[in-house]
Amino acid sequence: MSKDNQLKGSDSIGEAWLDDSGTIHMHLSRTSDGQDLNAVFTYLKTDPNYEKILQHLGGLIQGEKKLVPPWKNELPR
């Protein structure tokens, strides 16, 4: 986990990482309102939501893992 990621584990809804090709992978373990969830999302660089997801995560570098903060309004697609 990145030292720069200031979320506590209990505040996150999952974890995300960036692979060598620049693809974002997110494993979400709960929803923003606290319900249990087991979902994996993958965002290729060509995905129209790629930049929005990257911004939500506060940026990522290859090989880095970060906790995913809850979405306040809109869920990822």
PDB file of N, CA and C in Angstrom:
ATOM      1  N   MET A   1       0.846  -1.172   0.000  1.00  0.00           N
ATOM      2  CA  MET A   1       0.000   0.000   0.000  1.00  0.00           C
ATOM      3  C   MET A   1       0.893   1.236   0.000  1.00  0.00           C
ATOM      4  N   SER A   2       0.521   2.232  -0.714  1.00  0.00           N
ATOM      5  CA  SER A   2       1.307   3.459  -0.798  1.00  0.00           C
ATOM      6  C   SER A   2       1.310   4.192   0.540  1.00  0.00           C
ATOM      7  N   LYS A   3       2.464   4.726   0.918  1.00  0.00           N
ATOM      8  CA  LYS A   3       2.542   5.536   2.127  1.00  0.00           C
ATOM      9  C   LYS A   3       1.774   6.839   1.950  1.00  0.00           C
ATOM     10  N   ASP A   4       1.600   7.283   0.707  1.00  0.00           N
ATOM     11  CA  ASP A   4       0.893   8.537   0.436  1.00  0.00           C
ATOM     12  C   ASP A   4      -0.615   8.391   0.585  1.00  0.00           C
ATOM     13  N   ASN A   5      -1.098   7.169   0.604  1.00  0.00           N
ATOM     14  CA  ASN A   5      -2.529   6.930   0.695  1.00  0.00           C
ATOM     15  C   ASN A   5      -2.959   7.128   2.141  1.00  0.00           C
ATOM     16  N   GLN A   6      -3.668   8.208   2.426  1.00  0.00           N
ATOM     17  CA  GLN A   6      -3.994   8.586   3.787  1.00  0.00           C
ATOM     18  C   GLN A   6      -5.270   7.943   4.333  1.00  0.00           C
ATOM     19  N   LEU A   7      -5.982   7.171   3.523  1.00  0.00           N
ATOM     20  CA  LEU A   7      -7.191   6.515   4.010  1.00  0.00           C
ATOM     21  C   LEU A   7      -6.837   5.445   5.024  1.00  0.00           C
ATOM     22  N   LYS A   8      -7.678   5.279   5.982  1.00  0.00           N
ATOM     23  CA  LYS A   8      -7.573   4.132   6.870  1.00  0.00           C
ATOM     24  C   LYS A   8      -8.326   2.996   6.210  1.00  0.00           C
ATOM     25  N   GLY A   9      -7.957   1.765   6.486  1.00  0.00           N
ATOM     26  CA  GLY A   9      -8.619   0.614   5.885  1.00  0.00           C
ATOM     27  C   GLY A   9     -10.123   0.644   6.068  1.00  0.00           C
ATOM     28  N   SER A  10     -10.589   1.118   7.228  1.00  0.00           N
ATOM     29  CA  SER A  10     -12.029   1.138   7.485  1.00  0.00           C
ATOM     30  C   SER A  10     -12.748   2.215   6.678  1.00  0.00           C
ATOM     31  N   ASP A  11     -12.000   3.199   6.146  1.00  0.00           N
ATOM     32  CA  ASP A  11     -12.593   4.264   5.351  1.00  0.00           C
ATOM     33  C   ASP A  11     -12.662   3.908   3.870  1.00  0.00           C
ATOM     34  N   SER A  12     -11.947   2.875   3.460  1.00  0.00           N
ATOM     35  CA  SER A  12     -11.894   2.533   2.040  1.00  0.00           C
ATOM     36  C   SER A  12     -12.983   1.537   1.673  1.00  0.00           C
ATOM     37  N   ILE A  13     -13.244   1.448   0.374  1.00  0.00           N
ATOM     38  CA  ILE A  13     -14.213   0.473  -0.116  1.00  0.00           C
ATOM     39  C   ILE A  13     -13.534  -0.626  -0.928  1.00  0.00           C
ATOM     40  N   GLY A  14     -12.204  -0.597  -0.965  1.00  0.00           N
ATOM     41  CA  GLY A  14     -11.458  -1.615  -1.693  1.00  0.00           C
ATOM     42  C   GLY A  14     -10.048  -1.147  -1.970  1.00  0.00           C
ATOM     43  N   GLU A  15      -9.408  -1.787  -2.952  1.00  0.00           N
ATOM     44  CA  GLU A  15      -8.066  -1.388  -3.334  1.00  0.00           C
ATOM     45  C   GLU A  15      -7.942  -1.352  -4.847  1.00  0.00           C
ATOM     46  N   ALA A  16      -6.994  -0.563  -5.310  1.00  0.00           N
ATOM     47  CA  ALA A  16      -6.764  -0.399  -6.744  1.00  0.00           C
ATOM     48  C   ALA A  16      -5.274  -0.468  -7.016  1.00  0.00           C
ATOM     49  N   TRP A  17      -4.932  -0.893  -8.221  1.00  0.00           N
ATOM     50  CA  TRP A  17      -3.532  -0.926  -8.636  1.00  0.00           C
ATOM     51  C   TRP A  17      -3.446  -0.710 -10.136  1.00  0.00           C
ATOM     52  N   LEU A  18      -2.267  -0.303 -10.565  1.00  0.00           N
ATOM     53  CA  LEU A  18      -1.993  -0.022 -11.966  1.00  0.00           C
ATOM     54  C   LEU A  18      -0.982  -1.056 -12.454  1.00  0.00           C
ATOM     55  N   ASP A  19      -1.328  -1.781 -13.510  1.00  0.00           N
ATOM     56  CA  ASP A  19      -0.404  -2.802 -14.008  1.00  0.00           C
ATOM     57  C   ASP A  19       0.593  -2.204 -15.000  1.00  0.00           C
ATOM     58  N   ASP A  20       1.484  -3.043 -15.529  1.00  0.00           N
ATOM     59  CA  ASP A  20       2.551  -2.573 -16.417  1.00  0.00           C
ATOM     60  C   ASP A  20       2.050  -1.960 -17.714  1.00  0.00           C
ATOM     61  N   SER A  21       0.824  -2.319 -18.129  1.00  0.00           N
ATOM     62  CA  SER A  21       0.271  -1.762 -19.366  1.00  0.00           C
ATOM     63  C   SER A  21      -0.479  -0.452 -19.129  1.00  0.00           C
ATOM     64  N   GLY A  22      -0.585  -0.037 -17.855  1.00  0.00           N
ATOM     65  CA  GLY A  22      -1.317   1.185 -17.535  1.00  0.00           C
ATOM     66  C   GLY A  22      -2.780   0.944 -17.223  1.00  0.00           C
ATOM     67  N   THR A  23      -3.195  -0.315 -17.179  1.00  0.00           N
ATOM     68  CA  THR A  23      -4.579  -0.655 -16.869  1.00  0.00           C
ATOM     69  C   THR A  23      -4.819  -0.524 -15.365  1.00  0.00           C
ATOM     70  N   ILE A  24      -5.933   0.100 -15.011  1.00  0.00           N
ATOM     71  CA  ILE A  24      -6.325   0.236 -13.607  1.00  0.00           C
ATOM     72  C   ILE A  24      -7.196  -0.965 -13.242  1.00  0.00           C
ATOM     73  N   HIS A  25      -6.877  -1.601 -12.128  1.00  0.00           N
ATOM     74  CA  HIS A  25      -7.681  -2.701 -11.593  1.00  0.00           C
ATOM     75  C   HIS A  25      -8.187  -2.273 -10.220  1.00  0.00           C
ATOM     76  N   MET A  26      -9.470  -2.470  -9.979  1.00  0.00           N
ATOM     77  CA  MET A  26     -10.050  -2.160  -8.671  1.00  0.00           C
ATOM     78  C   MET A  26     -10.798  -3.370  -8.157  1.00  0.00           C
ATOM     79  N   HIS A  27     -10.502  -3.759  -6.926  1.00  0.00           N
ATOM     80  CA  HIS A  27     -11.275  -4.785  -6.247  1.00  0.00           C
ATOM     81  C   HIS A  27     -12.039  -4.077  -5.141  1.00  0.00           C
ATOM     82  N   LEU A  28     -13.354  -4.021  -5.284  1.00  0.00           N
ATOM     83  CA  LEU A  28     -14.196  -3.349  -4.292  1.00  0.00           C
ATOM     84  C   LEU A  28     -14.807  -4.388  -3.368  1.00  0.00           C
ATOM     85  N   SER A  29     -14.708  -4.142  -2.055  1.00  0.00           N
ATOM     86  CA  SER A  29     -15.200  -5.091  -1.061  1.00  0.00           C
ATOM     87  C   SER A  29     -16.454  -4.605  -0.342  1.00  0.00           C
ATOM     88  N   ARG A  30     -16.813  -3.353  -0.563  1.00  0.00           N
ATOM     89  CA  ARG A  30     -18.077  -2.836  -0.021  1.00  0.00           C
ATOM     90  C   ARG A  30     -18.508  -1.626  -0.831  1.00  0.00           C
ATOM     91  N   THR A  31     -19.779  -1.281  -0.714  1.00  0.00           N
ATOM     92  CA  THR A  31     -20.308  -0.115  -1.401  1.00  0.00           C
ATOM     93  C   THR A  31     -20.026   1.139  -0.580  1.00  0.00           C
ATOM     94  N   SER A  32     -20.276   2.283  -1.152  1.00  0.00           N
ATOM     95  CA  SER A  32     -20.057   3.549  -0.444  1.00  0.00           C
ATOM     96  C   SER A  32     -20.920   3.665   0.805  1.00  0.00           C
ATOM     97  N   ASP A  33     -22.076   2.979   0.811  1.00  0.00           N
ATOM     98  CA  ASP A  33     -22.938   3.029   1.995  1.00  0.00           C
ATOM     99  C   ASP A  33     -22.726   1.839   2.930  1.00  0.00           C
ATOM    100  N   GLY A  34     -21.627   1.076   2.719  1.00  0.00           N
ATOM    101  CA  GLY A  34     -21.225   0.048   3.677  1.00  0.00           C
ATOM    102  C   GLY A  34     -21.717  -1.360   3.434  1.00  0.00           C
ATOM    103  N   GLN A  35     -22.443  -1.605   2.363  1.00  0.00           N
ATOM    104  CA  GLN A  35     -22.926  -2.958   2.085  1.00  0.00           C
ATOM    105  C   GLN A  35     -21.792  -3.803   1.515  1.00  0.00           C
ATOM    106  N   ASP A  36     -21.759  -5.090   1.909  1.00  0.00           N
ATOM    107  CA  ASP A  36     -20.735  -5.999   1.405  1.00  0.00           C
ATOM    108  C   ASP A  36     -20.828  -6.146  -0.107  1.00  0.00           C
ATOM    109  N   LEU A  37     -19.666  -6.259  -0.736  1.00  0.00           N
ATOM    110  CA  LEU A  37     -19.577  -6.351  -2.181  1.00  0.00           C
ATOM    111  C   LEU A  37     -18.304  -7.116  -2.514  1.00  0.00           C
ATOM    112  N   ASN A  38     -18.318  -7.827  -3.607  1.00  0.00           N
ATOM    113  CA  ASN A  38     -17.114  -8.477  -4.118  1.00  0.00           C
ATOM    114  C   ASN A  38     -17.121  -8.270  -5.626  1.00  0.00           C
ATOM    115  N   ALA A  39     -16.467  -7.197  -6.076  1.00  0.00           N
ATOM    116  CA  ALA A  39     -16.494  -6.860  -7.495  1.00  0.00           C
ATOM    117  C   ALA A  39     -15.115  -6.408  -7.945  1.00  0.00           C
ATOM    118  N   VAL A  40     -14.778  -6.742  -9.177  1.00  0.00           N
ATOM    119  CA  VAL A  40     -13.517  -6.313  -9.776  1.00  0.00           C
ATOM    120  C   VAL A  40     -13.847  -5.489 -11.010  1.00  0.00           C
ATOM    121  N   PHE A  41     -13.240  -4.315 -11.107  1.00  0.00           N
ATOM    122  CA  PHE A  41     -13.405  -3.444 -12.264  1.00  0.00           C
ATOM    123  C   PHE A  41     -12.038  -3.265 -12.909  1.00  0.00           C
ATOM    124  N   THR A  42     -12.016  -3.243 -14.227  1.00  0.00           N
ATOM    125  CA  THR A  42     -10.787  -3.049 -14.988  1.00  0.00           C
ATOM    126  C   THR A  42     -11.010  -1.905 -15.958  1.00  0.00           C
ATOM    127  N   TYR A  43     -10.081  -0.950 -15.974  1.00  0.00           N
ATOM    128  CA  TYR A  43     -10.184   0.212 -16.838  1.00  0.00           C
ATOM    129  C   TYR A  43      -8.939   0.301 -17.713  1.00  0.00           C
ATOM    130  N   LEU A  44      -9.103   0.034 -18.996  1.00  0.00           N
ATOM    131  CA  LEU A  44      -8.021   0.213 -19.960  1.00  0.00           C
ATOM    132  C   LEU A  44      -7.814   1.704 -20.192  1.00  0.00           C
ATOM    133  N   LYS A  45      -6.636   2.076 -20.696  1.00  0.00           N
ATOM    134  CA  LYS A  45      -6.367   3.486 -20.988  1.00  0.00           C
ATOM    135  C   LYS A  45      -7.370   4.076 -21.974  1.00  0.00           C
ATOM    136  N   THR A  46      -7.975   3.247 -22.793  1.00  0.00           N
ATOM    137  CA  THR A  46      -8.935   3.709 -23.796  1.00  0.00           C
ATOM    138  C   THR A  46     -10.353   3.843 -23.242  1.00  0.00           C
ATOM    139  N   ASP A  47     -10.584   3.435 -21.995  1.00  0.00           N
ATOM    140  CA  ASP A  47     -11.914   3.522 -21.387  1.00  0.00           C
ATOM    141  C   ASP A  47     -12.270   4.992 -21.178  1.00  0.00           C
ATOM    142  N   PRO A  48     -13.490   5.407 -21.539  1.00  0.00           N
ATOM    143  CA  PRO A  48     -13.878   6.813 -21.369  1.00  0.00           C
ATOM    144  C   PRO A  48     -13.866   7.281 -19.909  1.00  0.00           C
ATOM    145  N   ASN A  49     -13.942   6.351 -18.947  1.00  0.00           N
ATOM    146  CA  ASN A  49     -13.925   6.716 -17.528  1.00  0.00           C
ATOM    147  C   ASN A  49     -12.541   6.626 -16.890  1.00  0.00           C
ATOM    148  N   TYR A  50     -11.529   6.282 -17.684  1.00  0.00           N
ATOM    149  CA  TYR A  50     -10.175   6.055 -17.159  1.00  0.00           C
ATOM    150  C   TYR A  50      -9.663   7.246 -16.354  1.00  0.00           C
ATOM    151  N   GLU A  51      -9.704   8.427 -16.929  1.00  0.00           N
ATOM    152  CA  GLU A  51      -9.172   9.619 -16.247  1.00  0.00           C
ATOM    153  C   GLU A  51      -9.969   9.955 -14.993  1.00  0.00           C
ATOM    154  N   LYS A  52     -11.286   9.781 -15.053  1.00  0.00           N
ATOM    155  CA  LYS A  52     -12.131  10.061 -13.892  1.00  0.00           C
ATOM    156  C   LYS A  52     -11.771   9.121 -12.735  1.00  0.00           C
ATOM    157  N   ILE A  53     -11.561   7.849 -13.040  1.00  0.00           N
ATOM    158  CA  ILE A  53     -11.183   6.871 -12.016  1.00  0.00           C
ATOM    159  C   ILE A  53      -9.802   7.202 -11.473  1.00  0.00           C
ATOM    160  N   LEU A  54      -8.867   7.506 -12.349  1.00  0.00           N
ATOM    161  CA  LEU A  54      -7.508   7.843 -11.934  1.00  0.00           C
ATOM    162  C   LEU A  54      -7.510   9.061 -11.009  1.00  0.00           C
ATOM    163  N   GLN A  55      -8.298  10.063 -11.320  1.00  0.00           N
ATOM    164  CA  GLN A  55      -8.409  11.250 -10.472  1.00  0.00           C
ATOM    165  C   GLN A  55      -9.026  10.899  -9.125  1.00  0.00           C
ATOM    166  N   HIS A  56     -10.057  10.055  -9.138  1.00  0.00           N
ATOM    167  CA  HIS A  56     -10.708   9.650  -7.890  1.00  0.00           C
ATOM    168  C   HIS A  56      -9.709   8.964  -6.958  1.00  0.00           C
ATOM    169  N   LEU A  57      -8.796   8.207  -7.543  1.00  0.00           N
ATOM    170  CA  LEU A  57      -7.796   7.488  -6.758  1.00  0.00           C
ATOM    171  C   LEU A  57      -6.630   8.382  -6.339  1.00  0.00           C
ATOM    172  N   GLY A  58      -6.586   9.591  -6.860  1.00  0.00           N
ATOM    173  CA  GLY A  58      -5.486  10.495  -6.552  1.00  0.00           C
ATOM    174  C   GLY A  58      -4.225  10.168  -7.319  1.00  0.00           C
ATOM    175  N   GLY A  59      -4.398   9.517  -8.480  1.00  0.00           N
ATOM    176  CA  GLY A  59      -3.268   9.116  -9.302  1.00  0.00           C
ATOM    177  C   GLY A  59      -2.720   7.769  -8.861  1.00  0.00           C
ATOM    178  N   LEU A  60      -2.020   7.112  -9.755  1.00  0.00           N
ATOM    179  CA  LEU A  60      -1.369   5.822  -9.492  1.00  0.00           C
ATOM    180  C   LEU A  60      -0.117   5.736 -10.339  1.00  0.00           C
ATOM    181  N   ILE A  61       0.873   5.052  -9.839  1.00  0.00           N
ATOM    182  CA  ILE A  61       2.040   4.722 -10.649  1.00  0.00           C
ATOM    183  C   ILE A  61       2.084   3.208 -10.794  1.00  0.00           C
ATOM    184  N   GLN A  62       2.751   2.732 -11.826  1.00  0.00           N
ATOM    185  CA  GLN A  62       2.792   1.297 -12.088  1.00  0.00           C
ATOM    186  C   GLN A  62       3.297   0.538 -10.871  1.00  0.00           C
ATOM    187  N   GLY A  63       2.580  -0.519 -10.537  1.00  0.00           N
ATOM    188  CA  GLY A  63       2.936  -1.371  -9.414  1.00  0.00           C
ATOM    189  C   GLY A  63       2.438  -0.882  -8.061  1.00  0.00           C
ATOM    190  N   GLU A  64       1.913   0.336  -8.004  1.00  0.00           N
ATOM    191  CA  GLU A  64       1.418   0.894  -6.753  1.00  0.00           C
ATOM    192  C   GLU A  64       0.024   0.371  -6.446  1.00  0.00           C
ATOM    193  N   LYS A  65      -0.263   0.128  -5.166  1.00  0.00           N
ATOM    194  CA  LYS A  65      -1.610  -0.217  -4.712  1.00  0.00           C
ATOM    195  C   LYS A  65      -2.085   0.885  -3.789  1.00  0.00           C
ATOM    196  N   LYS A  66      -3.361   1.238  -3.940  1.00  0.00           N
ATOM    197  CA  LYS A  66      -3.958   2.269  -3.096  1.00  0.00           C
ATOM    198  C   LYS A  66      -5.319   1.802  -2.615  1.00  0.00           C
ATOM    199  N   LEU A  67      -5.714   2.320  -1.463  1.00  0.00           N
ATOM    200  CA  LEU A  67      -7.078   2.120  -0.995  1.00  0.00           C
ATOM    201  C   LEU A  67      -8.013   3.000  -1.819  1.00  0.00           C
ATOM    202  N   VAL A  68      -9.210   2.507  -2.058  1.00  0.00           N
ATOM    203  CA  VAL A  68     -10.201   3.242  -2.855  1.00  0.00           C
ATOM    204  C   VAL A  68     -11.133   3.993  -1.912  1.00  0.00           C
ATOM    205  N   PRO A  69     -11.180   5.329  -2.027  1.00  0.00           N
ATOM    206  CA  PRO A  69     -12.127   6.076  -1.201  1.00  0.00           C
ATOM    207  C   PRO A  69     -13.553   5.896  -1.730  1.00  0.00           C
ATOM    208  N   PRO A  70     -14.538   6.014  -0.858  1.00  0.00           N
ATOM    209  CA  PRO A  70     -15.923   5.902  -1.320  1.00  0.00           C
ATOM    210  C   PRO A  70     -16.282   7.021  -2.289  1.00  0.00           C
ATOM    211  N   TRP A  71     -17.189   6.716  -3.201  1.00  0.00           N
ATOM    212  CA  TRP A  71     -17.723   7.744  -4.101  1.00  0.00           C
ATOM    213  C   TRP A  71     -18.815   8.473  -3.354  1.00  0.00           C
ATOM    214  N   LYS A  72     -18.817   9.771  -3.496  1.00  0.00           N
ATOM    215  CA  LYS A  72     -19.837  10.590  -2.817  1.00  0.00           C
ATOM    216  C   LYS A  72     -21.146  10.631  -3.601  1.00  0.00           C
ATOM    217  N   ASN A  73     -21.047  10.712  -4.921  1.00  0.00           N
ATOM    218  CA  ASN A  73     -22.248  10.891  -5.745  1.00  0.00           C
ATOM    219  C   ASN A  73     -22.456   9.788  -6.766  1.00  0.00           C
ATOM    220  N   GLU A  74     -21.482   9.570  -7.609  1.00  0.00           N
ATOM    221  CA  GLU A  74     -21.654   8.688  -8.755  1.00  0.00           C
ATOM    222  C   GLU A  74     -20.711   7.492  -8.648  1.00  0.00           C
ATOM    223  N   LEU A  75     -21.234   6.310  -8.899  1.00  0.00           N
ATOM    224  CA  LEU A  75     -20.434   5.093  -8.863  1.00  0.00           C
ATOM    225  C   LEU A  75     -19.685   4.903 -10.176  1.00  0.00           C
ATOM    226  N   PRO A  76     -18.560   4.181 -10.151  1.00  0.00           N
ATOM    227  CA  PRO A  76     -17.823   3.934 -11.397  1.00  0.00           C
ATOM    228  C   PRO A  76     -18.612   3.030 -12.322  1.00  0.00           C
ATOM    229  N   ARG A  77     -18.288   3.129 -13.596  1.00  0.00           N
ATOM    230  CA  ARG A  77     -18.944   2.272 -14.597  1.00  0.00           C
ATOM    231  C   ARG A  77     -17.906   1.492 -15.342  1.00  0.00           C
TER     232      ARG A  77
END
